[in-house]
Every structure is written in C-alpha cells, then in structure tokens.
Amino acid sequence: MKTYTTLLTLLLTAAPTIAQDSGADAAPFVLPAGKLKTTDLIDSCAAFLEWNILYAEVEFPEQAATTKLQRQVVTDRDGCEELLYSLLYRQGYAVKALDLKRDMYEVLAIQGQRGREISAGAPYVACEQVLARPTLKRQVLTTLSLKHINAQLATNAIRPFFANAGGGFPGGVGIGNVGDRQSLLLQGFQDQVAQAIRVVQLADVPQRPELEILGGRTTMKDYVQGLEARIQALEKKLAAIEQKAK
C-alpha cells in the first residue's frame, strides 16, 4: 500500500511539469494598456517569439513611433506575430525574413530606401496556408490553381481591384499567370492576397452554357429586346402607382 501511495504522489507531482513541457500551460503574450513605443513592441514580441528582430532606432521618431492601447491585449503565439505585423504596418513598417532557419528578421520602412527589399524577399507560402491566416500582414508569394476559368482572363478582370490595395503604401497585390491557363501568381501582403484568392475562388465555378444564360433564346439581340420590354412594362406599372398615389 505504501509503495502504491508513493507512486501516485510522484505521478501527481510530475503531471504539471509534463503539461507545461507540452505547451498546455504556456504563458500568453500580454501587452499592457497605455502608450507603447514601437521599439518596445518589437523587443517584447521578439522575446516572446524567441526571434532576433533587427531594426535601426533612427527610423523610429520618438513622437510618431508610439501606439496607444485603451485595453490590455492578451493573446497566443500566432496572435503575437499578427499583432506585431499589424501594428508595424499601421505605422508604415514591415518585417522581412533574413534567415528563417535561425529566426532572424528585420524591420524596414515600407516607403524607405530599402522598401523594395520587403517584396523582393517575399517567401513562397502555399495557398492553403495563406487562407489559414487571413489577417497576417507579411509579404508572401503564392500560386492558385484554377478549375473552370481562364487564368489570363481572371488576371485582367481582378487586377484593377487589387492594384491599389496597399492602403496608401506602394505595392498592392501583384497578379499574373505562370504560363498556363490554370494558374495564377499572387504577391503582396498576406491579408490582401487572401482576399484576392477568395474573390477568384468565388468566380471559379462551372460556367453555364450561353443558351441557358440567355433563357433559351438563340441570340443576344433577342435577349436584350426581351429585357427592354420587361423594363418598359415595369416603368408603366411604376408610373401608374405614382399617379394613383397623387
């Protein structure tokens, strides 16, 4: 009996340690309410994520490079990363990966002298991973396979809507094709790329035959004439209602 009691005590003592090692009791990331310097934000996130994030302090003016939080923020590891990218983007900065294997990153001004390096160093991220984190403000490059629509036509149709998606910053979402009719190439900040992917996927459905679209009519001219007749009938009904109301 004594041996059983001793063994049970040891197991109960070890349980919290096992849970902590498995990440079940991992401490959350906390940002307190109040004013927060951007450099302090970077240092806090770097410590929590166990990254090295390089930056030049001269690029962060004392008065402009601050964020005021009305309430405390408590989140997990993914939330910490998303918060860092979003708050930096709000002030005109982005994070560039220098060495992913060694967790080395760098903060650059989007409109600064080295701003082009942000998009030039965009890592490839699978389309599914982009959609899994649709609020992350990092530069990515991905491909989208189409099933029913032509890549070139899709590119020409949606490019104007996302060309200026940068919110005042240069870039937006770059959209092109990779030499075939069923693949799109997209590059930009991940949240904007995710939005473009969803729009394309909504349009990438089986196309109805022309005769079905035209309601069984054989020519577009007949279809247009039918629409005009229906509009005229509706206008007459509307005029009668307005006259009656007077």
C-alpha atoms as a PDB file:
ATOM      1  CA  MET A   1       0.000   0.000   0.000  1.00  0.00           C
ATOM      2  CA  LYS A   2       2.856   2.314   0.884  1.00  0.00           C
ATOM      3  CA  THR A   3       4.508   1.666  -2.497  1.00  0.00           C
ATOM      4  CA  TYR A   4       1.252   2.475  -4.356  1.00  0.00           C
ATOM      5  CA  THR A   5       0.811   5.730  -2.404  1.00  0.00           C
ATOM      6  CA  THR A   6       4.376   6.791  -3.139  1.00  0.00           C
ATOM      7  CA  LEU A   7       3.975   6.075  -6.880  1.00  0.00           C
ATOM      8  CA  LEU A   8       0.698   8.024  -7.027  1.00  0.00           C
ATOM      9  CA  THR A   9       2.342  11.001  -5.307  1.00  0.00           C
ATOM     10  CA  LEU A  10       5.179  11.003  -7.834  1.00  0.00           C
ATOM     11  CA  LEU A  11       2.753  10.908 -10.788  1.00  0.00           C
ATOM     12  CA  LEU A  12       0.693  13.798  -9.415  1.00  0.00           C
ATOM     13  CA  THR A  13       3.837  15.825  -8.836  1.00  0.00           C
ATOM     14  CA  ALA A  14       5.109  15.197 -12.368  1.00  0.00           C
ATOM     15  CA  ALA A  15       1.788  15.966 -14.120  1.00  0.00           C
ATOM     16  CA  PRO A  16       2.090  19.803 -14.084  1.00  0.00           C
ATOM     17  CA  THR A  17       5.648  19.543 -15.420  1.00  0.00           C
ATOM     18  CA  ILE A  18       4.534  17.290 -18.289  1.00  0.00           C
ATOM     19  CA  ALA A  19       1.653  19.656 -19.172  1.00  0.00           C
ATOM     20  CA  GLN A  20       3.990  22.640 -19.140  1.00  0.00           C
ATOM     21  CA  ASP A  21       6.530  20.892 -21.375  1.00  0.00           C
ATOM     22  CA  SER A  22       3.766  20.028 -23.857  1.00  0.00           C
ATOM     23  CA  GLY A  23       2.740  23.682 -24.143  1.00  0.00           C
ATOM     24  CA  ALA A  24      -0.620  23.261 -22.397  1.00  0.00           C
ATOM     25  CA  ASP A  25       0.278  25.845 -19.748  1.00  0.00           C
ATOM     26  CA  ALA A  26       2.343  28.137 -21.992  1.00  0.00           C
ATOM     27  CA  ALA A  27       2.219  31.722 -20.762  1.00  0.00           C
ATOM     28  CA  PRO A  28       0.270  34.089 -23.066  1.00  0.00           C
ATOM     29  CA  PHE A  29       1.665  37.211 -24.672  1.00  0.00           C
ATOM     30  CA  VAL A  30       0.492  40.362 -22.888  1.00  0.00           C
ATOM     31  CA  LEU A  31       0.591  43.995 -23.993  1.00  0.00           C
ATOM     32  CA  PRO A  32      -0.485  46.422 -21.247  1.00  0.00           C
ATOM     33  CA  ALA A  33      -2.860  49.318 -21.817  1.00  0.00           C
ATOM     34  CA  GLY A  34      -1.330  52.732 -22.404  1.00  0.00           C
ATOM     35  CA  LYS A  35       1.296  54.214 -24.708  1.00  0.00           C
ATOM     36  CA  LEU A  36       3.758  51.794 -26.223  1.00  0.00           C
ATOM     37  CA  LYS A  37       6.925  52.706 -28.106  1.00  0.00           C
ATOM     38  CA  THR A  38       7.338  50.824 -31.361  1.00  0.00           C
ATOM     39  CA  THR A  39      10.837  49.708 -30.403  1.00  0.00           C
ATOM     40  CA  ASP A  40       9.469  48.307 -27.124  1.00  0.00           C
ATOM     41  CA  LEU A  41       6.763  46.484 -29.095  1.00  0.00           C
ATOM     42  CA  ILE A  42       9.390  44.898 -31.334  1.00  0.00           C
ATOM     43  CA  ASP A  43      11.585  43.895 -28.390  1.00  0.00           C
ATOM     44  CA  SER A  44       8.648  42.411 -26.459  1.00  0.00           C
ATOM     45  CA  CYS A  45       7.419  40.372 -29.437  1.00  0.00           C
ATOM     46  CA  ALA A  46      10.962  39.240 -30.264  1.00  0.00           C
ATOM     47  CA  ALA A  47      11.467  37.979 -26.719  1.00  0.00           C
ATOM     48  CA  PHE A  48       8.141  36.126 -26.690  1.00  0.00           C
ATOM     49  CA  LEU A  49       8.572  34.599 -30.166  1.00  0.00           C
ATOM     50  CA  GLU A  50      12.248  33.834 -29.449  1.00  0.00           C
ATOM     51  CA  TRP A  51      13.303  35.679 -32.596  1.00  0.00           C
ATOM     52  CA  ASN A  52      16.048  38.164 -33.357  1.00  0.00           C
ATOM     53  CA  ILE A  53      14.383  41.194 -34.971  1.00  0.00           C
ATOM     54  CA  LEU A  54      16.855  43.821 -36.195  1.00  0.00           C
ATOM     55  CA  TYR A  55      15.945  47.488 -36.617  1.00  0.00           C
ATOM     56  CA  ALA A  56      17.549  50.919 -36.836  1.00  0.00           C
ATOM     57  CA  GLU A  57      16.406  53.167 -33.999  1.00  0.00           C
ATOM     58  CA  VAL A  58      16.898  56.280 -36.149  1.00  0.00           C
ATOM     59  CA  GLU A  59      13.929  55.159 -38.279  1.00  0.00           C
ATOM     60  CA  PHE A  60      11.562  55.429 -35.300  1.00  0.00           C
ATOM     61  CA  PRO A  61      10.974  59.084 -34.303  1.00  0.00           C
ATOM     62  CA  GLU A  62      10.122  59.479 -30.636  1.00  0.00           C
ATOM     63  CA  GLN A  63       6.719  61.148 -31.051  1.00  0.00           C
ATOM     64  CA  ALA A  64       5.415  59.337 -34.123  1.00  0.00           C
ATOM     65  CA  ALA A  65       6.539  55.791 -33.328  1.00  0.00           C
ATOM     66  CA  THR A  66       4.109  55.084 -30.496  1.00  0.00           C
ATOM     67  CA  THR A  67       0.844  53.190 -30.157  1.00  0.00           C
ATOM     68  CA  LYS A  68      -1.823  53.845 -27.547  1.00  0.00           C
ATOM     69  CA  LEU A  69      -3.862  50.889 -26.335  1.00  0.00           C
ATOM     70  CA  GLN A  70      -7.067  51.549 -24.398  1.00  0.00           C
ATOM     71  CA  ARG A  71      -7.205  47.973 -23.140  1.00  0.00           C
ATOM     72  CA  GLN A  72      -4.719  45.251 -22.338  1.00  0.00           C
ATOM     73  CA  VAL A  73      -4.124  42.675 -25.097  1.00  0.00           C
ATOM     74  CA  VAL A  74      -3.665  39.012 -24.189  1.00  0.00           C
ATOM     75  CA  THR A  75      -3.022  36.515 -26.993  1.00  0.00           C
ATOM     76  CA  ASP A  76      -1.076  33.419 -28.055  1.00  0.00           C
ATOM     77  CA  ARG A  77       1.983  32.934 -30.256  1.00  0.00           C
ATOM     78  CA  ASP A  78       0.139  33.377 -33.581  1.00  0.00           C
ATOM     79  CA  GLY A  79      -1.694  36.367 -32.156  1.00  0.00           C
ATOM     80  CA  CYS A  80       1.589  37.935 -31.064  1.00  0.00           C
ATOM     81  CA  GLU A  81       3.005  37.610 -34.574  1.00  0.00           C
ATOM     82  CA  GLU A  82      -0.160  39.010 -36.187  1.00  0.00           C
ATOM     83  CA  LEU A  83      -0.272  41.890 -33.701  1.00  0.00           C
ATOM     84  CA  LEU A  84       3.366  42.788 -34.370  1.00  0.00           C
ATOM     85  CA  TYR A  85       2.910  42.814 -38.149  1.00  0.00           C
ATOM     86  CA  SER A  86      -0.373  44.786 -37.999  1.00  0.00           C
ATOM     87  CA  LEU A  87       0.854  47.490 -35.606  1.00  0.00           C
ATOM     88  CA  LEU A  88       4.057  47.934 -37.586  1.00  0.00           C
ATOM     89  CA  TYR A  89       2.154  48.136 -40.878  1.00  0.00           C
ATOM     90  CA  ARG A  90      -0.116  50.791 -39.361  1.00  0.00           C
ATOM     91  CA  GLN A  91       2.977  52.973 -38.854  1.00  0.00           C
ATOM     92  CA  GLY A  92       4.474  52.234 -42.266  1.00  0.00           C
ATOM     93  CA  TYR A  93       6.813  49.356 -41.437  1.00  0.00           C
ATOM     94  CA  ALA A  94       7.022  45.698 -42.392  1.00  0.00           C
ATOM     95  CA  VAL A  95       9.007  42.681 -41.262  1.00  0.00           C
ATOM     96  CA  LYS A  96      11.386  40.959 -43.666  1.00  0.00           C
ATOM     97  CA  ALA A  97      12.761  37.483 -43.019  1.00  0.00           C
ATOM     98  CA  LEU A  98      16.560  37.371 -43.130  1.00  0.00           C
ATOM     99  CA  ASP A  99      17.143  33.755 -42.106  1.00  0.00           C
ATOM    100  CA  LEU A 100      14.119  31.599 -41.267  1.00  0.00           C
ATOM    101  CA  LYS A 101      16.237  28.697 -40.026  1.00  0.00           C
ATOM    102  CA  ARG A 102      17.866  30.923 -37.408  1.00  0.00           C
ATOM    103  CA  ASP A 103      14.768  33.070 -36.714  1.00  0.00           C
ATOM    104  CA  MET A 104      16.431  36.260 -37.935  1.00  0.00           C
ATOM    105  CA  TYR A 105      14.159  39.111 -39.080  1.00  0.00           C
ATOM    106  CA  GLU A 106      14.430  42.809 -39.865  1.00  0.00           C
ATOM    107  CA  VAL A 107      12.034  45.757 -39.686  1.00  0.00           C
ATOM    108  CA  LEU A 108      12.092  48.087 -42.702  1.00  0.00           C
ATOM    109  CA  ALA A 109      10.152  51.227 -43.618  1.00  0.00           C
ATOM    110  CA  ILE A 110       7.770  50.398 -46.480  1.00  0.00           C
ATOM    111  CA  GLN A 111       8.404  53.739 -48.171  1.00  0.00           C
ATOM    112  CA  GLY A 112      12.053  53.939 -47.147  1.00  0.00           C
ATOM    113  CA  GLN A 113      15.173  53.496 -49.229  1.00  0.00           C
ATOM    114  CA  ARG A 114      15.140  49.739 -48.674  1.00  0.00           C
ATOM    115  CA  GLY A 115      11.388  49.340 -49.019  1.00  0.00           C
ATOM    116  CA  ARG A 116      11.705  47.327 -52.231  1.00  0.00           C
ATOM    117  CA  GLU A 117      13.533  44.604 -50.318  1.00  0.00           C
ATOM    118  CA  ILE A 118      10.316  43.744 -48.480  1.00  0.00           C
ATOM    119  CA  SER A 119       8.534  42.469 -51.590  1.00  0.00           C
ATOM    120  CA  ALA A 120      11.735  41.221 -53.249  1.00  0.00           C
ATOM    121  CA  GLY A 121      12.344  38.881 -50.322  1.00  0.00           C
ATOM    122  CA  ALA A 122       8.764  37.617 -50.042  1.00  0.00           C
ATOM    123  CA  PRO A 123       8.785  33.895 -49.179  1.00  0.00           C
ATOM    124  CA  TYR A 124       6.622  31.379 -51.040  1.00  0.00           C
ATOM    125  CA  VAL A 125       3.632  30.304 -48.944  1.00  0.00           C
ATOM    126  CA  ALA A 126       1.150  27.652 -50.048  1.00  0.00           C
ATOM    127  CA  CYS A 127      -2.318  28.938 -50.871  1.00  0.00           C
ATOM    128  CA  GLU A 128      -3.878  26.891 -48.057  1.00  0.00           C
ATOM    129  CA  GLN A 129      -1.511  28.438 -45.508  1.00  0.00           C
ATOM    130  CA  VAL A 130      -2.356  31.941 -46.748  1.00  0.00           C
ATOM    131  CA  LEU A 131      -6.071  31.306 -46.229  1.00  0.00           C
ATOM    132  CA  ALA A 132      -5.412  29.743 -42.821  1.00  0.00           C
ATOM    133  CA  ARG A 133      -4.115  33.101 -41.513  1.00  0.00           C
ATOM    134  CA  PRO A 134      -6.008  35.776 -43.494  1.00  0.00           C
ATOM    135  CA  THR A 135      -5.107  38.708 -41.216  1.00  0.00           C
ATOM    136  CA  LEU A 136      -1.312  38.392 -41.220  1.00  0.00           C
ATOM    137  CA  LYS A 137       0.480  41.471 -42.599  1.00  0.00           C
ATOM    138  CA  ARG A 138       3.564  39.880 -44.137  1.00  0.00           C
ATOM    139  CA  GLN A 139       4.710  39.827 -47.736  1.00  0.00           C
ATOM    140  CA  VAL A 140       4.100  36.460 -49.424  1.00  0.00           C
ATOM    141  CA  LEU A 141       4.224  34.869 -52.847  1.00  0.00           C
ATOM    142  CA  THR A 142       1.767  32.102 -53.743  1.00  0.00           C
ATOM    143  CA  THR A 143       0.090  30.315 -56.643  1.00  0.00           C
ATOM    144  CA  LEU A 144      -3.588  29.500 -57.114  1.00  0.00           C
ATOM    145  CA  SER A 145      -4.774  26.683 -59.370  1.00  0.00           C
ATOM    146  CA  LEU A 146      -7.993  27.336 -61.293  1.00  0.00           C
ATOM    147  CA  LYS A 147     -10.521  24.719 -62.351  1.00  0.00           C
ATOM    148  CA  HIS A 148     -13.099  26.441 -64.550  1.00  0.00           C
ATOM    149  CA  ILE A 149     -11.919  29.900 -65.616  1.00  0.00           C
ATOM    150  CA  ASN A 150      -9.038  31.126 -67.762  1.00  0.00           C
ATOM    151  CA  ALA A 151      -6.059  32.481 -65.819  1.00  0.00           C
ATOM    152  CA  GLN A 152      -5.337  35.298 -68.269  1.00  0.00           C
ATOM    153  CA  LEU A 153      -8.955  36.496 -68.264  1.00  0.00           C
ATOM    154  CA  ALA A 154      -9.111  36.254 -64.476  1.00  0.00           C
ATOM    155  CA  THR A 155      -5.885  38.262 -64.167  1.00  0.00           C
ATOM    156  CA  ASN A 156      -7.161  41.072 -66.394  1.00  0.00           C
ATOM    157  CA  ALA A 157     -10.523  41.163 -64.625  1.00  0.00           C
ATOM    158  CA  ILE A 158      -9.406  41.333 -60.985  1.00  0.00           C
ATOM    159  CA  ARG A 159      -6.069  43.152 -61.267  1.00  0.00           C
ATOM    160  CA  PRO A 160      -7.631  46.688 -61.218  1.00  0.00           C
ATOM    161  CA  PHE A 161      -9.454  45.928 -57.949  1.00  0.00           C
ATOM    162  CA  PHE A 162      -6.300  44.923 -56.046  1.00  0.00           C
ATOM    163  CA  ALA A 163      -3.648  47.052 -57.720  1.00  0.00           C
ATOM    164  CA  ASN A 164      -4.185  49.844 -55.171  1.00  0.00           C
ATOM    165  CA  ALA A 165      -4.928  47.644 -52.180  1.00  0.00           C
ATOM    166  CA  GLY A 166      -1.901  48.932 -50.308  1.00  0.00           C
ATOM    167  CA  GLY A 167      -3.877  51.442 -48.281  1.00  0.00           C
ATOM    168  CA  GLY A 168      -1.653  54.346 -49.301  1.00  0.00           C
ATOM    169  CA  PHE A 169       1.505  52.234 -49.425  1.00  0.00           C
ATOM    170  CA  PRO A 170       3.039  51.118 -52.730  1.00  0.00           C
ATOM    171  CA  GLY A 171       2.529  47.607 -53.966  1.00  0.00           C
ATOM    172  CA  GLY A 172      -0.999  46.324 -53.529  1.00  0.00           C
ATOM    173  CA  VAL A 173      -1.428  42.771 -54.814  1.00  0.00           C
ATOM    174  CA  GLY A 174       0.545  41.765 -57.887  1.00  0.00           C
ATOM    175  CA  ILE A 175      -1.437  39.284 -60.021  1.00  0.00           C
ATOM    176  CA  GLY A 176      -0.178  37.399 -63.053  1.00  0.00           C
ATOM    177  CA  ASN A 177      -0.113  33.969 -64.638  1.00  0.00           C
ATOM    178  CA  VAL A 178       2.733  31.482 -64.859  1.00  0.00           C
ATOM    179  CA  GLY A 179       2.493  30.493 -68.500  1.00  0.00           C
ATOM    180  CA  ASP A 180      -0.562  28.255 -68.481  1.00  0.00           C
ATOM    181  CA  ARG A 181      -4.309  28.800 -68.426  1.00  0.00           C
ATOM    182  CA  GLN A 182      -4.978  27.356 -64.995  1.00  0.00           C
ATOM    183  CA  SER A 183      -2.517  29.003 -62.602  1.00  0.00           C
ATOM    184  CA  LEU A 184      -2.399  32.464 -61.036  1.00  0.00           C
ATOM    185  CA  LEU A 185       0.626  34.010 -59.353  1.00  0.00           C
ATOM    186  CA  LEU A 186      -0.114  36.426 -56.486  1.00  0.00           C
ATOM    187  CA  GLN A 187       2.221  38.544 -54.387  1.00  0.00           C
ATOM    188  CA  GLY A 188       1.536  41.095 -51.677  1.00  0.00           C
ATOM    189  CA  PHE A 189       0.693  41.351 -48.000  1.00  0.00           C
ATOM    190  CA  GLN A 190      -0.891  38.107 -46.885  1.00  0.00           C
ATOM    191  CA  ASP A 191      -4.234  39.562 -45.773  1.00  0.00           C
ATOM    192  CA  GLN A 192      -4.730  41.246 -49.157  1.00  0.00           C
ATOM    193  CA  VAL A 193      -3.585  38.145 -51.054  1.00  0.00           C
ATOM    194  CA  ALA A 194      -6.066  36.046 -49.051  1.00  0.00           C
ATOM    195  CA  GLN A 195      -8.867  38.416 -50.044  1.00  0.00           C
ATOM    196  CA  ALA A 196      -7.892  38.180 -53.727  1.00  0.00           C
ATOM    197  CA  ILE A 197      -7.816  34.373 -53.509  1.00  0.00           C
ATOM    198  CA  ARG A 198     -11.325  34.252 -52.043  1.00  0.00           C
ATOM    199  CA  VAL A 199     -12.667  36.527 -54.795  1.00  0.00           C
ATOM    200  CA  VAL A 200     -11.156  34.320 -57.512  1.00  0.00           C
ATOM    201  CA  GLN A 201     -12.438  31.152 -55.874  1.00  0.00           C
ATOM    202  CA  LEU A 202     -15.973  32.558 -55.798  1.00  0.00           C
ATOM    203  CA  ALA A 203     -15.762  33.151 -59.555  1.00  0.00           C
ATOM    204  CA  ASP A 204     -14.048  29.837 -60.324  1.00  0.00           C
ATOM    205  CA  VAL A 205     -17.232  27.803 -60.836  1.00  0.00           C
ATOM    206  CA  PRO A 206     -18.572  25.824 -63.819  1.00  0.00           C
ATOM    207  CA  GLN A 207     -19.740  28.258 -66.495  1.00  0.00           C
ATOM    208  CA  ARG A 208     -23.325  27.893 -67.696  1.00  0.00           C
ATOM    209  CA  PRO A 209     -23.942  27.404 -71.432  1.00  0.00           C
ATOM    210  CA  GLU A 210     -24.817  30.577 -73.327  1.00  0.00           C
ATOM    211  CA  LEU A 211     -28.308  29.346 -74.213  1.00  0.00           C
ATOM    212  CA  GLU A 212     -29.029  28.767 -70.528  1.00  0.00           C
ATOM    213  CA  ILE A 213     -27.785  32.255 -69.665  1.00  0.00           C
ATOM    214  CA  LEU A 214     -30.000  33.721 -72.382  1.00  0.00           C
ATOM    215  CA  GLY A 215     -33.070  31.955 -71.043  1.00  0.00           C
ATOM    216  CA  GLY A 216     -33.380  29.648 -74.070  1.00  0.00           C
ATOM    217  CA  ARG A 217     -33.199  32.421 -76.688  1.00  0.00           C
ATOM    218  CA  THR A 218     -30.927  31.877 -79.642  1.00  0.00           C
ATOM    219  CA  THR A 219     -29.352  35.326 -79.933  1.00  0.00           C
ATOM    220  CA  MET A 220     -28.150  38.098 -77.659  1.00  0.00           C
ATOM    221  CA  LYS A 221     -30.307  40.547 -79.622  1.00  0.00           C
ATOM    222  CA  ASP A 222     -33.474  38.678 -78.645  1.00  0.00           C
ATOM    223  CA  TYR A 223     -32.344  38.568 -75.048  1.00  0.00           C
ATOM    224  CA  VAL A 224     -31.703  42.327 -74.930  1.00  0.00           C
ATOM    225  CA  GLN A 225     -35.059  43.077 -76.590  1.00  0.00           C
ATOM    226  CA  GLY A 226     -36.795  40.925 -74.010  1.00  0.00           C
ATOM    227  CA  LEU A 227     -35.107  42.822 -71.193  1.00  0.00           C
ATOM    228  CA  GLU A 228     -36.111  46.150 -72.708  1.00  0.00           C
ATOM    229  CA  ALA A 229     -39.729  45.004 -72.930  1.00  0.00           C
ATOM    230  CA  ARG A 230     -39.723  43.954 -69.289  1.00  0.00           C
ATOM    231  CA  ILE A 231     -38.201  47.276 -68.222  1.00  0.00           C
ATOM    232  CA  GLN A 232     -40.821  49.219 -70.153  1.00  0.00           C
ATOM    233  CA  ALA A 233     -43.595  47.183 -68.531  1.00  0.00           C
ATOM    234  CA  LEU A 234     -42.129  47.850 -65.077  1.00  0.00           C
ATOM    235  CA  GLU A 235     -41.853  51.568 -65.852  1.00  0.00           C
ATOM    236  CA  LYS A 236     -45.527  51.678 -66.852  1.00  0.00           C
ATOM    237  CA  LYS A 237     -46.552  49.947 -63.633  1.00  0.00           C
ATOM    238  CA  LEU A 238     -44.419  52.322 -61.581  1.00  0.00           C
ATOM    239  CA  ALA A 239     -45.922  55.350 -63.345  1.00  0.00           C
ATOM    240  CA  ALA A 240     -49.442  54.052 -62.677  1.00  0.00           C
ATOM    241  CA  ILE A 241     -48.637  53.575 -58.973  1.00  0.00           C
ATOM    242  CA  GLU A 242     -47.211  57.091 -58.712  1.00  0.00           C
ATOM    243  CA  GLN A 243     -50.225  58.554 -60.472  1.00  0.00           C
ATOM    244  CA  LYS A 244     -52.574  56.721 -58.178  1.00  0.00           C
ATOM    245  CA  ALA A 245     -50.659  57.939 -55.131  1.00  0.00           C
ATOM    246  CA  LYS A 246     -51.249  61.562 -56.184  1.00  0.00           C
END
